[in-house]
Amino acid sequence: PFVGRSAERAMLQEALRGELRGSDVTGAMGGSLVAALLTHTDALGLDNVVRRVKQRLADTAEQLNVSTLKLGQAAFSPEVRTADALLELALRQAEPVIVH
């Protein structure tokens, strides 16, 4: 069955939330972008979450018959200190999620 773009985004966002803690925040960024802010998470913790999220999103994308999905990540650092800079870095480094 066909799933509209906003419904696809909502289902992917819900799958993302399933791998995050209650203190983490997700939101639609416009278009097909969804972002998550992982509070109290360092770079090592981010890598662990990203590994789990990739699998969950791949499974959900397969159910939705979505073939193209990218996931980017960025962590606060002395060079990356604003939300805009984090988003820009995550978008630049986004890699395809393999959908089975």
PDB file of N, CA and C in Angstrom:
ATOM      1  N   PRO A   1       0.830  -1.204   0.000  1.00  0.00           N
ATOM      2  CA  PRO A   1       0.000   0.000   0.000  1.00  0.00           C
ATOM      3  C   PRO A   1       0.864   1.253   0.000  1.00  0.00           C
ATOM      4  N   PHE A   2       0.350   2.293  -0.613  1.00  0.00           N
ATOM      5  CA  PHE A   2       1.056   3.568  -0.676  1.00  0.00           C
ATOM      6  C   PHE A   2       0.944   4.283   0.664  1.00  0.00           C
ATOM      7  N   VAL A   3       2.036   4.798   1.141  1.00  0.00           N
ATOM      8  CA  VAL A   3       2.052   5.589   2.363  1.00  0.00           C
ATOM      9  C   VAL A   3       2.536   6.982   1.991  1.00  0.00           C
ATOM     10  N   GLY A   4       1.752   8.004   2.303  1.00  0.00           N
ATOM     11  CA  GLY A   4       2.128   9.381   1.975  1.00  0.00           C
ATOM     12  C   GLY A   4       3.412   9.788   2.674  1.00  0.00           C
ATOM     13  N   ARG A   5       4.069  10.799   2.125  1.00  0.00           N
ATOM     14  CA  ARG A   5       5.367  11.244   2.647  1.00  0.00           C
ATOM     15  C   ARG A   5       5.297  11.633   4.124  1.00  0.00           C
ATOM     16  N   SER A   6       4.269  12.342   4.532  1.00  0.00           N
ATOM     17  CA  SER A   6       4.179  12.740   5.936  1.00  0.00           C
ATOM     18  C   SER A   6       3.943  11.520   6.830  1.00  0.00           C
ATOM     19  N   ALA A   7       3.197  10.535   6.347  1.00  0.00           N
ATOM     20  CA  ALA A   7       2.984   9.309   7.118  1.00  0.00           C
ATOM     21  C   ALA A   7       4.280   8.512   7.213  1.00  0.00           C
ATOM     22  N   GLU A   8       5.046   8.468   6.125  1.00  0.00           N
ATOM     23  CA  GLU A   8       6.353   7.792   6.142  1.00  0.00           C
ATOM     24  C   GLU A   8       7.257   8.450   7.174  1.00  0.00           C
ATOM     25  N   ARG A   9       7.316   9.772   7.128  1.00  0.00           N
ATOM     26  CA  ARG A   9       8.168  10.499   8.060  1.00  0.00           C
ATOM     27  C   ARG A   9       7.737  10.240   9.500  1.00  0.00           C
ATOM     28  N   ALA A  10       6.437  10.223   9.754  1.00  0.00           N
ATOM     29  CA  ALA A  10       5.933   9.971  11.106  1.00  0.00           C
ATOM     30  C   ALA A  10       6.307   8.564  11.580  1.00  0.00           C
ATOM     31  N   MET A  11       6.211   7.576  10.695  1.00  0.00           N
ATOM     32  CA  MET A  11       6.559   6.204  11.080  1.00  0.00           C
ATOM     33  C   MET A  11       8.057   6.063  11.329  1.00  0.00           C
ATOM     34  N   LEU A  12       8.859   6.703  10.502  1.00  0.00           N
ATOM     35  CA  LEU A  12      10.309   6.663  10.710  1.00  0.00           C
ATOM     36  C   LEU A  12      10.685   7.401  11.997  1.00  0.00           C
ATOM     37  N   GLN A  13      10.013   8.515  12.258  1.00  0.00           N
ATOM     38  CA  GLN A  13      10.278   9.263  13.491  1.00  0.00           C
ATOM     39  C   GLN A  13       9.896   8.423  14.703  1.00  0.00           C
ATOM     40  N   GLU A  14       8.794   7.695  14.638  1.00  0.00           N
ATOM     41  CA  GLU A  14       8.375   6.842  15.751  1.00  0.00           C
ATOM     42  C   GLU A  14       9.378   5.705  15.961  1.00  0.00           C
ATOM     43  N   ALA A  15       9.885   5.139  14.872  1.00  0.00           N
ATOM     44  CA  ALA A  15      10.908   4.087  14.985  1.00  0.00           C
ATOM     45  C   ALA A  15      12.162   4.645  15.644  1.00  0.00           C
ATOM     46  N   LEU A  16      12.535   5.851  15.274  1.00  0.00           N
ATOM     47  CA  LEU A  16      13.687   6.515  15.874  1.00  0.00           C
ATOM     48  C   LEU A  16      13.470   6.699  17.372  1.00  0.00           C
ATOM     49  N   ARG A  17      12.298   7.189  17.745  1.00  0.00           N
ATOM     50  CA  ARG A  17      11.989   7.392  19.169  1.00  0.00           C
ATOM     51  C   ARG A  17      12.088   6.090  19.957  1.00  0.00           C
ATOM     52  N   GLY A  18      11.777   4.963  19.316  1.00  0.00           N
ATOM     53  CA  GLY A  18      11.832   3.670  19.989  1.00  0.00           C
ATOM     54  C   GLY A  18      13.228   3.278  20.429  1.00  0.00           C
ATOM     55  N   GLU A  19      14.245   3.889  19.869  1.00  0.00           N
ATOM     56  CA  GLU A  19      15.629   3.573  20.224  1.00  0.00           C
ATOM     57  C   GLU A  19      16.257   4.633  21.127  1.00  0.00           C
ATOM     58  N   LEU A  20      15.490   5.659  21.483  1.00  0.00           N
ATOM     59  CA  LEU A  20      16.032   6.754  22.275  1.00  0.00           C
ATOM     60  C   LEU A  20      15.461   6.747  23.686  1.00  0.00           C
ATOM     61  N   ARG A  21      16.071   7.559  24.544  1.00  0.00           N
ATOM     62  CA  ARG A  21      15.600   7.704  25.926  1.00  0.00           C
ATOM     63  C   ARG A  21      14.513   8.775  25.997  1.00  0.00           C
ATOM     64  N   GLY A  22      13.805   8.785  27.099  1.00  0.00           N
ATOM     65  CA  GLY A  22      12.753   9.772  27.281  1.00  0.00           C
ATOM     66  C   GLY A  22      13.253  11.205  27.266  1.00  0.00           C
ATOM     67  N   SER A  23      14.506  11.429  27.629  1.00  0.00           N
ATOM     68  CA  SER A  23      15.057  12.786  27.659  1.00  0.00           C
ATOM     69  C   SER A  23      15.528  13.257  26.288  1.00  0.00           C
ATOM     70  N   ASP A  24      15.618  12.350  25.314  1.00  0.00           N
ATOM     71  CA  ASP A  24      16.026  12.722  23.960  1.00  0.00           C
ATOM     72  C   ASP A  24      14.827  13.308  23.218  1.00  0.00           C
ATOM     73  N   VAL A  25      15.100  14.127  22.219  1.00  0.00           N
ATOM     74  CA  VAL A  25      14.047  14.840  21.506  1.00  0.00           C
ATOM     75  C   VAL A  25      14.161  14.552  20.017  1.00  0.00           C
ATOM     76  N   THR A  26      13.018  14.292  19.362  1.00  0.00           N
ATOM     77  CA  THR A  26      13.005  14.154  17.906  1.00  0.00           C
ATOM     78  C   THR A  26      12.043  15.184  17.335  1.00  0.00           C
ATOM     79  N   GLY A  27      12.244  15.515  16.078  1.00  0.00           N
ATOM     80  CA  GLY A  27      11.334  16.453  15.434  1.00  0.00           C
ATOM     81  C   GLY A  27      11.540  16.491  13.941  1.00  0.00           C
ATOM     82  N   ALA A  28      10.489  16.834  13.222  1.00  0.00           N
ATOM     83  CA  ALA A  28      10.564  17.004  11.777  1.00  0.00           C
ATOM     84  C   ALA A  28      11.230  18.346  11.496  1.00  0.00           C
ATOM     85  N   MET A  29      12.141  18.342  10.541  1.00  0.00           N
ATOM     86  CA  MET A  29      12.898  19.554  10.228  1.00  0.00           C
ATOM     87  C   MET A  29      12.405  20.220   8.943  1.00  0.00           C
ATOM     88  N   GLY A  30      11.378  19.687   8.344  1.00  0.00           N
ATOM     89  CA  GLY A  30      10.907  20.200   7.060  1.00  0.00           C
ATOM     90  C   GLY A  30      11.294  19.230   5.969  1.00  0.00           C
ATOM     91  N   GLY A  31      10.503  19.211   4.920  1.00  0.00           N
ATOM     92  CA  GLY A  31      10.750  18.237   3.860  1.00  0.00           C
ATOM     93  C   GLY A  31      10.694  16.843   4.432  1.00  0.00           C
ATOM     94  N   SER A  32      11.690  16.056   4.140  1.00  0.00           N
ATOM     95  CA  SER A  32      11.722  14.680   4.646  1.00  0.00           C
ATOM     96  C   SER A  32      12.734  14.509   5.773  1.00  0.00           C
ATOM     97  N   LEU A  33      13.259  15.617   6.306  1.00  0.00           N
ATOM     98  CA  LEU A  33      14.270  15.538   7.355  1.00  0.00           C
ATOM     99  C   LEU A  33      13.649  15.343   8.735  1.00  0.00           C
ATOM    100  N   VAL A  34      14.249  14.436   9.491  1.00  0.00           N
ATOM    101  CA  VAL A  34      13.893  14.223  10.887  1.00  0.00           C
ATOM    102  C   VAL A  34      15.190  14.298  11.670  1.00  0.00           C
ATOM    103  N   ALA A  35      15.175  15.007  12.799  1.00  0.00           N
ATOM    104  CA  ALA A  35      16.377  15.146  13.614  1.00  0.00           C
ATOM    105  C   ALA A  35      16.110  14.640  15.022  1.00  0.00           C
ATOM    106  N   ALA A  36      17.177  14.214  15.680  1.00  0.00           N
ATOM    107  CA  ALA A  36      17.095  13.792  17.074  1.00  0.00           C
ATOM    108  C   ALA A  36      18.214  14.483  17.842  1.00  0.00           C
ATOM    109  N   LEU A  37      17.878  14.985  19.004  1.00  0.00           N
ATOM    110  CA  LEU A  37      18.855  15.579  19.903  1.00  0.00           C
ATOM    111  C   LEU A  37      19.007  14.625  21.077  1.00  0.00           C
ATOM    112  N   LEU A  38      20.200  14.048  21.211  1.00  0.00           N
ATOM    113  CA  LEU A  38      20.468  13.084  22.279  1.00  0.00           C
ATOM    114  C   LEU A  38      21.115  13.832  23.434  1.00  0.00           C
ATOM    115  N   THR A  39      20.335  14.097  24.450  1.00  0.00           N
ATOM    116  CA  THR A  39      20.838  14.844  25.598  1.00  0.00           C
ATOM    117  C   THR A  39      21.716  13.936  26.453  1.00  0.00           C
ATOM    118  N   HIS A  40      22.718  14.502  27.061  1.00  0.00           N
ATOM    119  CA  HIS A  40      23.600  13.762  27.967  1.00  0.00           C
ATOM    120  C   HIS A  40      24.246  12.553  27.273  1.00  0.00           C
ATOM    121  N   THR A  41      24.653  12.712  26.013  1.00  0.00           N
ATOM    122  CA  THR A  41      25.278  11.628  25.254  1.00  0.00           C
ATOM    123  C   THR A  41      26.604  12.123  24.699  1.00  0.00           C
ATOM    124  N   ASP A  42      27.677  11.372  24.967  1.00  0.00           N
ATOM    125  CA  ASP A  42      28.976  11.735  24.414  1.00  0.00           C
ATOM    126  C   ASP A  42      29.174  11.019  23.079  1.00  0.00           C
ATOM    127  N   ALA A  43      30.327  11.215  22.451  1.00  0.00           N
ATOM    128  CA  ALA A  43      30.581  10.647  21.128  1.00  0.00           C
ATOM    129  C   ALA A  43      30.513   9.119  21.138  1.00  0.00           C
ATOM    130  N   LEU A  44      31.025   8.476  22.183  1.00  0.00           N
ATOM    131  CA  LEU A  44      30.959   7.009  22.265  1.00  0.00           C
ATOM    132  C   LEU A  44      29.509   6.542  22.392  1.00  0.00           C
ATOM    133  N   GLY A  45      28.758   7.201  23.245  1.00  0.00           N
ATOM    134  CA  GLY A  45      27.346   6.862  23.384  1.00  0.00           C
ATOM    135  C   GLY A  45      26.590   7.081  22.087  1.00  0.00           C
ATOM    136  N   LEU A  46      26.941   8.131  21.358  1.00  0.00           N
ATOM    137  CA  LEU A  46      26.308   8.422  20.080  1.00  0.00           C
ATOM    138  C   LEU A  46      26.536   7.284  19.100  1.00  0.00           C
ATOM    139  N   ASP A  47      27.755   6.768  19.035  1.00  0.00           N
ATOM    140  CA  ASP A  47      28.044   5.649  18.131  1.00  0.00           C
ATOM    141  C   ASP A  47      27.181   4.430  18.457  1.00  0.00           C
ATOM    142  N   ASN A  48      26.987   4.143  19.740  1.00  0.00           N
ATOM    143  CA  ASN A  48      26.157   3.008  20.139  1.00  0.00           C
ATOM    144  C   ASN A  48      24.703   3.205  19.723  1.00  0.00           C
ATOM    145  N   VAL A  49      24.188   4.409  19.932  1.00  0.00           N
ATOM    146  CA  VAL A  49      22.805   4.700  19.558  1.00  0.00           C
ATOM    147  C   VAL A  49      22.641   4.630  18.042  1.00  0.00           C
ATOM    148  N   VAL A  50      23.578   5.192  17.306  1.00  0.00           N
ATOM    149  CA  VAL A  50      23.493   5.201  15.840  1.00  0.00           C
ATOM    150  C   VAL A  50      23.453   3.774  15.301  1.00  0.00           C
ATOM    151  N   ARG A  51      24.214   2.870  15.883  1.00  0.00           N
ATOM    152  CA  ARG A  51      24.209   1.476  15.444  1.00  0.00           C
ATOM    153  C   ARG A  51      22.807   0.866  15.595  1.00  0.00           C
ATOM    154  N   ARG A  52      22.184   1.099  16.743  1.00  0.00           N
ATOM    155  CA  ARG A  52      20.829   0.579  16.981  1.00  0.00           C
ATOM    156  C   ARG A  52      19.801   1.249  16.072  1.00  0.00           C
ATOM    157  N   VAL A  53      19.925   2.565  15.923  1.00  0.00           N
ATOM    158  CA  VAL A  53      18.975   3.322  15.107  1.00  0.00           C
ATOM    159  C   VAL A  53      19.036   2.874  13.652  1.00  0.00           C
ATOM    160  N   LYS A  54      20.240   2.640  13.130  1.00  0.00           N
ATOM    161  CA  LYS A  54      20.376   2.193  11.737  1.00  0.00           C
ATOM    162  C   LYS A  54      19.580   0.924  11.493  1.00  0.00           C
ATOM    163  N   GLN A  55      19.687  -0.033  12.390  1.00  0.00           N
ATOM    164  CA  GLN A  55      18.959  -1.292  12.213  1.00  0.00           C
ATOM    165  C   GLN A  55      17.457  -1.059  12.277  1.00  0.00           C
ATOM    166  N   ARG A  56      17.006  -0.286  13.270  1.00  0.00           N
ATOM    167  CA  ARG A  56      15.564  -0.030  13.424  1.00  0.00           C
ATOM    168  C   ARG A  56      15.015   0.708  12.207  1.00  0.00           C
ATOM    169  N   LEU A  57      15.745   1.725  11.727  1.00  0.00           N
ATOM    170  CA  LEU A  57      15.278   2.482  10.568  1.00  0.00           C
ATOM    171  C   LEU A  57      15.284   1.630   9.304  1.00  0.00           C
ATOM    172  N   ALA A  58      16.292   0.773   9.158  1.00  0.00           N
ATOM    173  CA  ALA A  58      16.331  -0.116   7.989  1.00  0.00           C
ATOM    174  C   ALA A  58      15.117  -1.032   7.985  1.00  0.00           C
ATOM    175  N   ASP A  59      14.785  -1.594   9.133  1.00  0.00           N
ATOM    176  CA  ASP A  59      13.624  -2.474   9.231  1.00  0.00           C
ATOM    177  C   ASP A  59      12.335  -1.722   8.908  1.00  0.00           C
ATOM    178  N   THR A  60      12.195  -0.513   9.447  1.00  0.00           N
ATOM    179  CA  THR A  60      10.994   0.287   9.221  1.00  0.00           C
ATOM    180  C   THR A  60      10.908   0.726   7.764  1.00  0.00           C
ATOM    181  N   ALA A  61      12.025   1.147   7.187  1.00  0.00           N
ATOM    182  CA  ALA A  61      12.037   1.574   5.785  1.00  0.00           C
ATOM    183  C   ALA A  61      11.627   0.423   4.875  1.00  0.00           C
ATOM    184  N   GLU A  62      12.059  -0.782   5.202  1.00  0.00           N
ATOM    185  CA  GLU A  62      11.679  -1.949   4.398  1.00  0.00           C
ATOM    186  C   GLU A  62      10.168  -2.161   4.464  1.00  0.00           C
ATOM    187  N   GLN A  63       9.586  -2.036   5.636  1.00  0.00           N
ATOM    188  CA  GLN A  63       8.134  -2.196   5.789  1.00  0.00           C
ATOM    189  C   GLN A  63       7.373  -1.143   4.987  1.00  0.00           C
ATOM    190  N   LEU A  64       7.940   0.049   4.889  1.00  0.00           N
ATOM    191  CA  LEU A  64       7.294   1.144   4.159  1.00  0.00           C
ATOM    192  C   LEU A  64       7.633   1.135   2.672  1.00  0.00           C
ATOM    193  N   ASN A  65       8.500   0.213   2.261  1.00  0.00           N
ATOM    194  CA  ASN A  65       8.966   0.151   0.880  1.00  0.00           C
ATOM    195  C   ASN A  65       9.709   1.433   0.493  1.00  0.00           C
ATOM    196  N   VAL A  66      10.506   1.945   1.421  1.00  0.00           N
ATOM    197  CA  VAL A  66      11.345   3.120   1.192  1.00  0.00           C
ATOM    198  C   VAL A  66      12.737   2.608   0.862  1.00  0.00           C
ATOM    199  N   SER A  67      13.267   2.999  -0.288  1.00  0.00           N
ATOM    200  CA  SER A  67      14.562   2.463  -0.699  1.00  0.00           C
ATOM    201  C   SER A  67      15.731   3.396  -0.398  1.00  0.00           C
ATOM    202  N   THR A  68      15.476   4.675  -0.210  1.00  0.00           N
ATOM    203  CA  THR A  68      16.534   5.643   0.037  1.00  0.00           C
ATOM    204  C   THR A  68      16.345   6.282   1.402  1.00  0.00           C
ATOM    205  N   LEU A  69      17.323   6.069   2.256  1.00  0.00           N
ATOM    206  CA  LEU A  69      17.283   6.617   3.604  1.00  0.00           C
ATOM    207  C   LEU A  69      18.717   6.891   4.019  1.00  0.00           C
ATOM    208  N   LYS A  70      18.982   8.081   4.534  1.00  0.00           N
ATOM    209  CA  LYS A  70      20.331   8.429   4.980  1.00  0.00           C
ATOM    210  C   LYS A  70      20.293   8.802   6.447  1.00  0.00           C
ATOM    211  N   LEU A  71      21.401   8.530   7.126  1.00  0.00           N
ATOM    212  CA  LEU A  71      21.524   8.843   8.545  1.00  0.00           C
ATOM    213  C   LEU A  71      22.847   9.550   8.765  1.00  0.00           C
ATOM    214  N   GLY A  72      22.790  10.728   9.343  1.00  0.00           N
ATOM    215  CA  GLY A  72      23.998  11.482   9.672  1.00  0.00           C
ATOM    216  C   GLY A  72      24.074  11.682  11.168  1.00  0.00           C
ATOM    217  N   GLN A  73      25.260  11.953  11.653  1.00  0.00           N
ATOM    218  CA  GLN A  73      25.441  12.193  13.080  1.00  0.00           C
ATOM    219  C   GLN A  73      26.488  13.271  13.298  1.00  0.00           C
ATOM    220  N   ALA A  74      26.354  13.967  14.418  1.00  0.00           N
ATOM    221  CA  ALA A  74      27.321  14.987  14.799  1.00  0.00           C
ATOM    222  C   ALA A  74      27.259  15.141  16.305  1.00  0.00           C
ATOM    223  N   ALA A  75      28.377  15.473  16.911  1.00  0.00           N
ATOM    224  CA  ALA A  75      28.448  15.674  18.361  1.00  0.00           C
ATOM    225  C   ALA A  75      29.025  17.057  18.648  1.00  0.00           C
ATOM    226  N   PHE A  76      28.564  17.660  19.743  1.00  0.00           N
ATOM    227  CA  PHE A  76      29.137  18.940  20.161  1.00  0.00           C
ATOM    228  C   PHE A  76      30.629  18.781  20.361  1.00  0.00           C
ATOM    229  N   SER A  77      31.371  19.786  19.957  1.00  0.00           N
ATOM    230  CA  SER A  77      32.823  19.818  20.130  1.00  0.00           C
ATOM    231  C   SER A  77      33.234  21.288  20.138  1.00  0.00           C
ATOM    232  N   PRO A  78      34.496  21.574  20.394  1.00  0.00           N
ATOM    233  CA  PRO A  78      34.923  22.982  20.342  1.00  0.00           C
ATOM    234  C   PRO A  78      34.679  23.620  18.970  1.00  0.00           C
ATOM    235  N   GLU A  79      34.717  22.805  17.903  1.00  0.00           N
ATOM    236  CA  GLU A  79      34.507  23.328  16.552  1.00  0.00           C
ATOM    237  C   GLU A  79      33.030  23.363  16.167  1.00  0.00           C
ATOM    238  N   VAL A  80      32.219  22.516  16.780  1.00  0.00           N
ATOM    239  CA  VAL A  80      30.804  22.393  16.436  1.00  0.00           C
ATOM    240  C   VAL A  80      29.999  22.706  17.695  1.00  0.00           C
ATOM    241  N   ARG A  81      29.547  23.959  17.802  1.00  0.00           N
ATOM    242  CA  ARG A  81      28.972  24.394  19.075  1.00  0.00           C
ATOM    243  C   ARG A  81      27.524  24.880  18.980  1.00  0.00           C
ATOM    244  N   THR A  82      26.953  24.898  17.785  1.00  0.00           N
ATOM    245  CA  THR A  82      25.574  25.374  17.645  1.00  0.00           C
ATOM    246  C   THR A  82      24.713  24.292  17.006  1.00  0.00           C
ATOM    247  N   ALA A  83      23.410  24.418  17.172  1.00  0.00           N
ATOM    248  CA  ALA A  83      22.482  23.461  16.560  1.00  0.00           C
ATOM    249  C   ALA A  83      22.611  23.493  15.040  1.00  0.00           C
ATOM    250  N   ASP A  84      22.747  24.688  14.462  1.00  0.00           N
ATOM    251  CA  ASP A  84      22.904  24.791  13.008  1.00  0.00           C
ATOM    252  C   ASP A  84      24.160  24.081  12.527  1.00  0.00           C
ATOM    253  N   ALA A  85      25.264  24.248  13.258  1.00  0.00           N
ATOM    254  CA  ALA A  85      26.520  23.593  12.887  1.00  0.00           C
ATOM    255  C   ALA A  85      26.399  22.075  13.015  1.00  0.00           C
ATOM    256  N   LEU A  86      25.701  21.609  14.059  1.00  0.00           N
ATOM    257  CA  LEU A  86      25.487  20.166  14.224  1.00  0.00           C
ATOM    258  C   LEU A  86      24.684  19.601  13.054  1.00  0.00           C
ATOM    259  N   LEU A  87      23.607  20.278  12.703  1.00  0.00           N
ATOM    260  CA  LEU A  87      22.768  19.815  11.605  1.00  0.00           C
ATOM    261  C   LEU A  87      23.533  19.816  10.281  1.00  0.00           C
ATOM    262  N   GLU A  88      24.273  20.884  10.031  1.00  0.00           N
ATOM    263  CA  GLU A  88      25.069  20.973   8.800  1.00  0.00           C
ATOM    264  C   GLU A  88      26.077  19.829   8.716  1.00  0.00           C
ATOM    265  N   LEU A  89      26.777  19.541   9.806  1.00  0.00           N
ATOM    266  CA  LEU A  89      27.754  18.460   9.830  1.00  0.00           C
ATOM    267  C   LEU A  89      27.080  17.104   9.630  1.00  0.00           C
ATOM    268  N   ALA A  90      25.972  16.887  10.312  1.00  0.00           N
ATOM    269  CA  ALA A  90      25.251  15.619  10.173  1.00  0.00           C
ATOM    270  C   ALA A  90      24.784  15.411   8.739  1.00  0.00           C
ATOM    271  N   LEU A  91      24.297  16.459   8.100  1.00  0.00           N
ATOM    272  CA  LEU A  91      23.844  16.347   6.708  1.00  0.00           C
ATOM    273  C   LEU A  91      25.015  16.066   5.761  1.00  0.00           C
ATOM    274  N   ARG A  92      26.141  16.730   6.001  1.00  0.00           N
ATOM    275  CA  ARG A  92      27.338  16.520   5.153  1.00  0.00           C
ATOM    276  C   ARG A  92      27.854  15.093   5.266  1.00  0.00           C
ATOM    277  N   GLN A  93      27.772  14.521   6.473  1.00  0.00           N
ATOM    278  CA  GLN A  93      28.340  13.198   6.710  1.00  0.00           C
ATOM    279  C   GLN A  93      27.303  12.074   6.604  1.00  0.00           C
ATOM    280  N   ALA A  94      26.079  12.407   6.196  1.00  0.00           N
ATOM    281  CA  ALA A  94      25.019  11.391   6.134  1.00  0.00           C
ATOM    282  C   ALA A  94      25.403  10.271   5.175  1.00  0.00           C
ATOM    283  N   GLU A  95      25.145   9.064   5.648  1.00  0.00           N
ATOM    284  CA  GLU A  95      25.427   7.866   4.857  1.00  0.00           C
ATOM    285  C   GLU A  95      24.151   7.080   4.645  1.00  0.00           C
ATOM    286  N   PRO A  96      24.046   6.374   3.526  1.00  0.00           N
ATOM    287  CA  PRO A  96      22.847   5.578   3.277  1.00  0.00           C
ATOM    288  C   PRO A  96      22.685   4.484   4.340  1.00  0.00           C
ATOM    289  N   VAL A  97      21.446   4.262   4.727  1.00  0.00           N
ATOM    290  CA  VAL A  97      21.096   3.137   5.585  1.00  0.00           C
ATOM    291  C   VAL A  97      20.720   2.001   4.646  1.00  0.00           C
ATOM    292  N   ILE A  98      21.298   0.844   4.848  1.00  0.00           N
ATOM    293  CA  ILE A  98      21.027  -0.290   3.966  1.00  0.00           C
ATOM    294  C   ILE A  98      19.670  -0.878   4.328  1.00  0.00           C
ATOM    295  N   VAL A  99      18.755  -0.840   3.355  1.00  0.00           N
ATOM    296  CA  VAL A  99      17.422  -1.394   3.525  1.00  0.00           C
ATOM    297  C   VAL A  99      17.432  -2.767   2.870  1.00  0.00           C
ATOM    298  N   HIS A 100      17.080  -3.781   3.639  1.00  0.00           N
ATOM    299  CA  HIS A 100      17.140  -5.166   3.137  1.00  0.00           C
ATOM    300  C   HIS A 100      16.015  -5.467   2.191  1.00  0.00           C
TER     301      HIS A 100
END
